[in-house]
Protein backbone atom coordinates (compact mmCIF):
# COMPACT_ATOMS: atom_id res chain seq x y z
CA MET A 1 125.51 252.14 -49.68
CA ALA A 2 125.70 252.02 -53.51
CA HIS A 3 122.09 250.87 -53.92
CA GLU A 4 120.97 254.01 -52.05
CA VAL A 5 122.77 256.34 -54.52
CA ALA A 6 121.77 257.33 -58.07
CA TRP A 7 123.83 259.37 -60.50
CA LEU A 8 121.78 261.77 -62.62
CA PHE A 9 122.81 263.52 -65.85
CA PRO A 10 121.25 266.73 -67.19
CA GLY A 11 119.90 267.41 -70.66
CA GLN A 12 119.32 270.44 -72.85
CA GLY A 13 118.53 273.63 -70.98
CA ALA A 14 121.30 273.05 -68.42
CA GLN A 15 124.08 274.43 -70.65
CA GLU A 16 125.79 277.73 -69.86
CA VAL A 17 128.74 279.59 -71.31
CA GLY A 18 131.83 278.77 -69.25
CA MET A 19 130.75 275.19 -68.55
CA GLY A 20 133.75 272.94 -67.97
CA ARG A 21 136.33 275.71 -68.06
CA ALA A 22 137.19 275.72 -64.35
CA LEU A 23 137.27 271.92 -64.35
CA ALA A 24 139.71 271.86 -67.27
CA GLU A 25 141.94 274.40 -65.54
CA ALA A 26 141.89 272.42 -62.30
CA HIS A 27 142.55 268.89 -63.50
CA PRO A 28 144.64 267.48 -66.41
CA LEU A 29 142.27 264.54 -66.99
CA ALA A 30 139.41 266.95 -67.63
CA ARG A 31 141.58 269.01 -69.94
CA GLN A 32 142.54 265.83 -71.79
CA THR A 33 138.87 264.88 -72.18
CA PHE A 34 137.96 268.22 -73.74
CA GLU A 35 140.97 268.02 -76.08
CA GLU A 36 139.98 264.49 -77.06
CA ALA A 37 136.48 265.70 -77.91
CA ASP A 38 137.85 268.55 -80.02
CA ASP A 39 140.06 266.11 -81.93
CA LEU A 40 137.22 263.64 -82.50
CA LEU A 41 134.90 266.36 -83.81
CA GLY A 42 137.57 268.16 -85.79
CA GLU A 43 136.64 271.51 -84.25
CA SER A 44 136.95 273.29 -80.94
CA LEU A 45 133.78 272.41 -79.08
CA SER A 46 135.61 273.33 -75.87
CA LYS A 47 136.04 276.94 -77.06
CA VAL A 48 132.28 277.20 -77.62
CA MET A 49 131.70 275.75 -74.14
CA PHE A 50 134.25 277.93 -72.39
CA GLU A 51 133.75 281.21 -74.28
CA GLY A 52 130.47 281.08 -76.21
CA PRO A 53 128.85 282.94 -77.79
CA LYS A 54 125.68 281.75 -76.11
CA ALA A 55 123.78 281.51 -79.39
CA LEU A 56 126.35 279.06 -80.71
CA LEU A 57 126.31 276.96 -77.53
CA ASP A 58 122.50 276.95 -77.58
CA ASP A 59 122.44 275.50 -81.10
CA THR A 60 121.35 271.92 -80.46
CA ILE A 61 124.15 270.56 -82.67
CA ASN A 62 126.61 271.98 -80.10
CA THR A 63 124.49 271.80 -76.94
CA GLN A 64 124.14 268.04 -76.99
CA PRO A 65 127.83 267.13 -77.31
CA ALA A 66 128.78 269.93 -74.90
CA LEU A 67 126.59 268.55 -72.12
CA TYR A 68 127.76 265.02 -72.84
CA VAL A 69 131.48 265.88 -72.78
CA HIS A 70 131.16 267.95 -69.61
CA SER A 71 129.41 265.15 -67.71
CA VAL A 72 131.89 262.53 -68.92
CA ALA A 73 134.85 264.74 -67.93
CA LEU A 74 133.38 265.11 -64.43
CA VAL A 75 132.91 261.36 -64.07
CA ARG A 76 136.44 260.61 -65.27
CA VAL A 77 137.98 263.07 -62.82
CA ALA A 78 135.76 261.96 -59.94
CA GLN A 79 136.53 258.29 -60.47
CA ALA A 80 140.26 258.91 -60.82
CA GLU A 81 140.30 260.86 -57.55
CA GLY A 82 137.72 258.80 -55.63
CA LEU A 83 135.40 261.79 -55.25
CA LEU A 84 132.02 260.18 -55.99
CA PRO A 85 130.20 257.51 -53.99
CA ASP A 86 129.44 254.39 -56.00
CA ALA A 87 125.97 254.31 -57.49
CA GLY A 88 123.50 251.48 -57.71
CA TRP A 89 121.39 253.27 -60.32
CA ALA A 90 121.66 255.96 -62.97
CA ALA A 91 119.36 258.10 -65.09
CA GLY A 92 119.71 260.92 -67.58
CA HIS A 93 117.20 263.53 -68.71
CA SER A 94 116.80 263.19 -72.48
CA LEU A 95 120.34 263.83 -73.84
CA GLY A 96 121.60 262.97 -70.35
CA GLU A 97 120.81 259.31 -70.98
CA TYR A 98 123.82 259.16 -73.28
CA SER A 99 126.03 260.58 -70.53
CA ALA A 100 124.65 257.88 -68.23
CA PHE A 101 125.41 255.14 -70.78
CA THR A 102 129.04 256.25 -71.01
CA ALA A 103 129.44 256.89 -67.28
CA MET A 104 128.29 253.34 -66.60
CA GLY A 105 130.65 251.78 -69.13
CA ALA A 106 128.05 250.83 -71.73
CA LEU A 107 128.92 253.31 -74.50
CA PRO A 108 132.51 254.22 -75.48
CA PHE A 109 133.26 257.93 -75.29
CA ASP A 110 134.26 258.33 -78.94
CA SER A 111 131.17 256.53 -80.22
CA GLY A 112 128.93 258.39 -77.79
CA LEU A 113 130.29 261.78 -78.80
CA ARG A 114 129.78 261.15 -82.50
CA LEU A 115 126.29 259.80 -81.81
CA VAL A 116 125.10 262.80 -79.80
CA ARG A 117 126.53 265.18 -82.40
CA GLU A 118 124.53 263.35 -85.06
CA ARG A 119 121.48 263.32 -82.80
CA GLY A 120 121.72 267.10 -82.53
CA ARG A 121 122.21 267.46 -86.30
CA LEU A 122 119.25 265.23 -87.15
CA MET A 123 116.98 266.95 -84.63
CA LYS A 124 117.98 270.35 -86.04
CA GLU A 125 117.31 269.09 -89.58
CA ALA A 126 113.91 267.74 -88.53
CA GLY A 127 113.12 271.10 -86.94
CA THR A 128 113.93 272.85 -90.22
CA LEU A 129 111.77 270.51 -92.28
CA MET A 130 108.92 270.40 -89.76
CA PRO A 131 109.08 273.48 -87.54
CA GLY A 132 107.28 273.32 -84.24
CA GLY A 133 107.31 274.68 -80.74
CA MET A 134 107.41 273.82 -77.07
CA ALA A 135 105.81 275.38 -74.00
CA ALA A 136 106.19 274.93 -70.26
CA ILE A 137 102.99 274.57 -68.25
CA ILE A 138 103.07 275.13 -64.51
CA SER A 139 100.59 274.02 -61.83
CA LEU A 140 98.26 271.77 -63.76
CA ASP A 141 97.80 268.06 -63.17
CA ASP A 142 99.76 265.88 -65.62
CA THR A 143 96.68 264.01 -66.77
CA VAL A 144 94.85 267.27 -67.42
CA VAL A 145 97.68 268.57 -69.60
CA ALA A 146 97.87 265.28 -71.50
CA GLN A 147 94.11 265.46 -72.17
CA LEU A 148 94.34 269.10 -73.30
CA CYS A 149 97.08 268.09 -75.75
CA ALA A 150 94.92 265.30 -77.14
CA GLU A 151 92.03 267.72 -77.62
CA ALA A 152 94.28 270.37 -79.22
CA SER A 153 95.78 267.94 -81.72
CA ALA A 154 94.44 267.71 -85.25
CA PRO A 155 95.41 265.71 -88.35
CA GLY A 156 98.90 266.85 -89.26
CA GLU A 157 99.05 269.09 -86.18
CA ALA A 158 99.96 266.98 -83.15
CA VAL A 159 101.02 268.13 -79.69
CA GLN A 160 101.92 265.98 -76.70
CA VAL A 161 103.61 266.17 -73.32
CA ALA A 162 107.35 266.07 -74.04
CA ASN A 163 108.64 266.21 -70.47
CA PHE A 164 106.89 265.16 -67.28
CA ASN A 165 109.51 266.94 -65.17
CA CYS A 166 107.96 266.98 -61.70
CA PRO A 167 104.48 267.35 -60.20
CA GLY A 168 102.99 270.53 -61.61
CA GLN A 169 105.70 271.13 -64.21
CA VAL A 170 105.42 269.71 -67.71
CA VAL A 171 106.60 270.74 -71.17
CA ILE A 172 104.45 270.23 -74.25
CA SER A 173 105.80 269.90 -77.78
CA GLY A 174 104.53 269.65 -81.32
CA ALA A 175 103.16 271.65 -84.24
CA SER A 176 103.15 275.37 -83.43
CA GLU A 177 99.40 275.77 -84.03
CA ALA A 178 98.59 272.81 -81.77
CA VAL A 179 100.99 274.05 -79.07
CA ALA A 180 99.20 277.42 -79.19
CA ARG A 181 95.77 275.76 -78.83
CA ALA A 182 96.92 273.56 -75.94
CA SER A 183 98.60 276.54 -74.25
CA GLU A 184 95.41 278.61 -74.43
CA ALA A 185 93.40 275.69 -73.09
CA ALA A 186 95.88 275.30 -70.22
CA ARG A 187 95.45 278.97 -69.29
CA ALA A 188 91.69 278.55 -69.33
CA ALA A 189 92.02 275.44 -67.15
CA GLY A 190 93.86 277.44 -64.47
CA ALA A 191 97.55 276.93 -65.16
CA ARG A 192 99.59 279.34 -63.04
CA LYS A 193 102.03 279.92 -65.88
CA VAL A 194 102.26 278.99 -69.55
CA GLN A 195 105.51 279.97 -71.25
CA LEU A 196 106.44 279.42 -74.87
CA LEU A 197 110.04 278.20 -74.99
CA ASP A 198 112.66 279.83 -77.19
CA VAL A 199 113.37 276.75 -79.32
CA SER A 200 113.15 275.94 -83.01
CA ILE A 201 112.60 272.20 -82.65
CA ALA A 202 109.71 270.22 -81.22
CA ALA A 203 111.72 267.67 -79.24
CA HIS A 204 110.05 264.49 -77.99
CA SER A 205 107.11 264.87 -80.36
CA PRO A 206 105.93 263.26 -83.61
CA LEU A 207 107.71 266.06 -85.51
CA MET A 208 110.98 264.25 -84.75
CA GLU A 209 109.88 261.21 -86.79
CA HIS A 210 111.91 262.55 -89.72
CA ALA A 211 115.08 261.98 -87.69
CA GLN A 212 114.20 258.53 -86.41
CA GLN A 213 115.01 256.32 -89.39
CA GLU A 214 118.56 257.57 -89.94
CA PHE A 215 119.20 257.77 -86.22
CA ALA A 216 118.05 254.18 -85.78
CA ARG A 217 120.62 253.12 -88.36
CA LEU A 218 123.38 254.94 -86.48
CA VAL A 219 122.27 253.45 -83.16
CA ALA A 220 122.35 249.95 -84.63
CA GLU A 221 126.01 250.39 -85.60
CA ILE A 222 127.50 251.69 -82.34
CA PRO A 223 129.27 249.32 -79.92
CA LEU A 224 127.39 248.80 -76.65
CA GLN A 225 127.73 246.53 -73.66
CA ASN A 226 125.78 245.95 -70.47
CA PRO A 227 125.93 248.97 -68.13
CA ALA A 228 127.59 248.55 -64.75
CA VAL A 229 124.30 249.48 -63.05
CA PRO A 230 120.71 249.69 -64.34
CA ILE A 231 119.80 252.95 -66.10
CA ILE A 232 116.17 254.01 -65.80
CA ALA A 233 114.64 254.69 -69.22
CA ASN A 234 112.94 258.02 -69.91
CA VAL A 235 110.27 256.47 -72.10
CA THR A 236 109.34 253.24 -70.30
CA VAL A 237 110.52 254.01 -66.75
CA GLN A 238 112.09 250.55 -66.72
CA PRO A 239 115.70 249.56 -65.97
CA LEU A 240 117.92 249.30 -69.04
CA ARG A 241 120.33 246.41 -68.57
CA THR A 242 121.22 245.21 -72.09
CA PRO A 243 122.42 246.74 -75.37
CA ALA A 244 119.14 245.77 -77.06
CA GLU A 245 117.13 247.64 -74.44
CA MET A 246 119.38 250.70 -74.73
CA ARG A 247 119.14 250.80 -78.52
CA GLU A 248 115.35 250.63 -78.38
CA GLU A 249 115.26 253.45 -75.83
CA MET A 250 117.57 255.73 -77.85
CA VAL A 251 115.31 255.53 -80.89
CA ALA A 252 112.00 255.72 -79.03
CA GLN A 253 113.14 258.70 -77.00
CA LEU A 254 113.27 260.99 -80.07
CA THR A 255 109.48 261.03 -80.30
CA GLY A 256 108.55 259.71 -76.86
CA SER A 257 107.89 261.58 -73.64
CA VAL A 258 110.56 262.01 -70.98
CA ARG A 259 108.81 260.60 -67.90
CA TRP A 260 111.27 262.08 -65.43
CA SER A 261 108.95 262.40 -62.46
CA ASP A 262 107.93 258.74 -62.72
CA SER A 263 111.58 257.72 -63.18
CA MET A 264 112.65 259.46 -59.98
CA SER A 265 109.68 258.04 -58.08
CA TYR A 266 110.72 254.58 -59.30
CA LEU A 267 114.21 255.11 -57.85
CA VAL A 268 112.79 256.31 -54.54
CA ALA A 269 110.68 253.14 -54.42
CA GLN A 270 113.87 251.09 -54.91
CA GLY A 271 115.34 252.67 -51.78
CA VAL A 272 117.44 255.42 -53.38
CA THR A 273 117.89 258.31 -50.96
CA THR A 274 120.83 260.24 -52.46
CA PHE A 275 120.78 261.79 -55.93
CA ILE A 276 123.97 263.24 -57.42
CA GLU A 277 123.53 265.43 -60.49
CA ILE A 278 126.71 265.32 -62.59
CA GLY A 279 126.96 268.12 -65.12
CA SER A 280 126.09 271.70 -65.85
CA GLY A 281 123.52 273.50 -63.73
CA ALA A 282 121.25 272.22 -61.00
CA VAL A 283 118.02 271.63 -62.91
CA LEU A 284 117.58 268.00 -61.88
CA SER A 285 118.34 268.71 -58.23
CA GLY A 286 115.59 271.31 -58.27
CA LEU A 287 113.12 268.87 -59.82
CA MET A 288 114.11 266.19 -57.31
CA LYS A 289 113.27 268.54 -54.46
CA ARG A 290 109.74 268.76 -55.84
CA ILE A 291 109.46 265.01 -56.44
CA GLU A 292 110.84 263.81 -53.08
CA ARG A 293 111.61 266.55 -50.58
CA ALA A 294 113.21 264.09 -48.15
CA SER A 295 115.86 263.10 -50.70
CA ILE A 296 119.50 264.09 -50.35
CA ARG A 297 120.55 266.08 -53.41
CA HIS A 298 123.95 267.19 -54.70
CA ASN A 299 124.92 268.76 -57.99
CA VAL A 300 128.53 268.80 -59.16
CA ALA A 301 129.78 270.79 -62.14
CA THR A 302 133.25 271.91 -61.02
CA TRP A 303 136.38 270.60 -59.30
CA ASP A 304 135.50 272.54 -56.15
CA GLU A 305 132.04 270.99 -56.05
CA LEU A 306 133.53 267.52 -56.44
CA LEU A 307 135.86 268.20 -53.51
CA ALA A 308 132.97 269.56 -51.45
CA LEU A 309 130.96 266.39 -52.17
CA LYS A 310 133.87 264.24 -50.97
CA ASN A 311 133.88 266.17 -47.70
CA ALA A 312 130.10 266.27 -47.30
């Protein structure tokens, strides 16, 4: 059964004020996890998660650890209570890869939390030094969007596909002028919708190169071990099985594209039929419906949803 199940972990965009609060109220192990995170960070991340304000939660320096802690708390509770089926595979969307590493025993919680906080800080700093933008493009072929990005790029003004989310839904990222050119070209090419995203950083684009060197140093220092199951890499769409492979992925992912659609198709080809999204929101479940309609999809973000999954 395990080889037919994959655990999925959401990334930025899935956060919402109130995330984790009901879980903490329902189970002492979750409450302990949030308290541990607050102690490690030296501030009340849980208060930002539970109460907001939204602008503070949406600041990438808080968003990334918030999503990570919430997913880890869910996994800890689920494993303690036997509420999740064993998985043969795992994957995480961008920041969600770090949740997957910890969930599968490869990255200690304390090290992972500090790392994702620094990842958020460095990405925010890169966004300040090299401001850019991102835009969602709906109902154009992936290869067409990639070509439009190549044509819209200029020396010092690059744009590329940041997220291949599902067929007909991609996000582009890069220098604001290049994003604007690619967006206009996408409209002219027949995109059903082109929406500039309300972000201040150009994630998964060359504008994140400023963050890469220091982040690579941090990644080299953290303790890692082989994950309990293979984790499908965003950048290469290959199974990550060793610390060396995970370190390479963490660094490459800052400027590389998140090839989520290909990653999910890879898992389907391996015989995975059930996908369990562990964390805030249901973004990945929605994408999975577009990628493989026949798949069985569950998303769990609360104690009640964990119990419902056990009884499903």
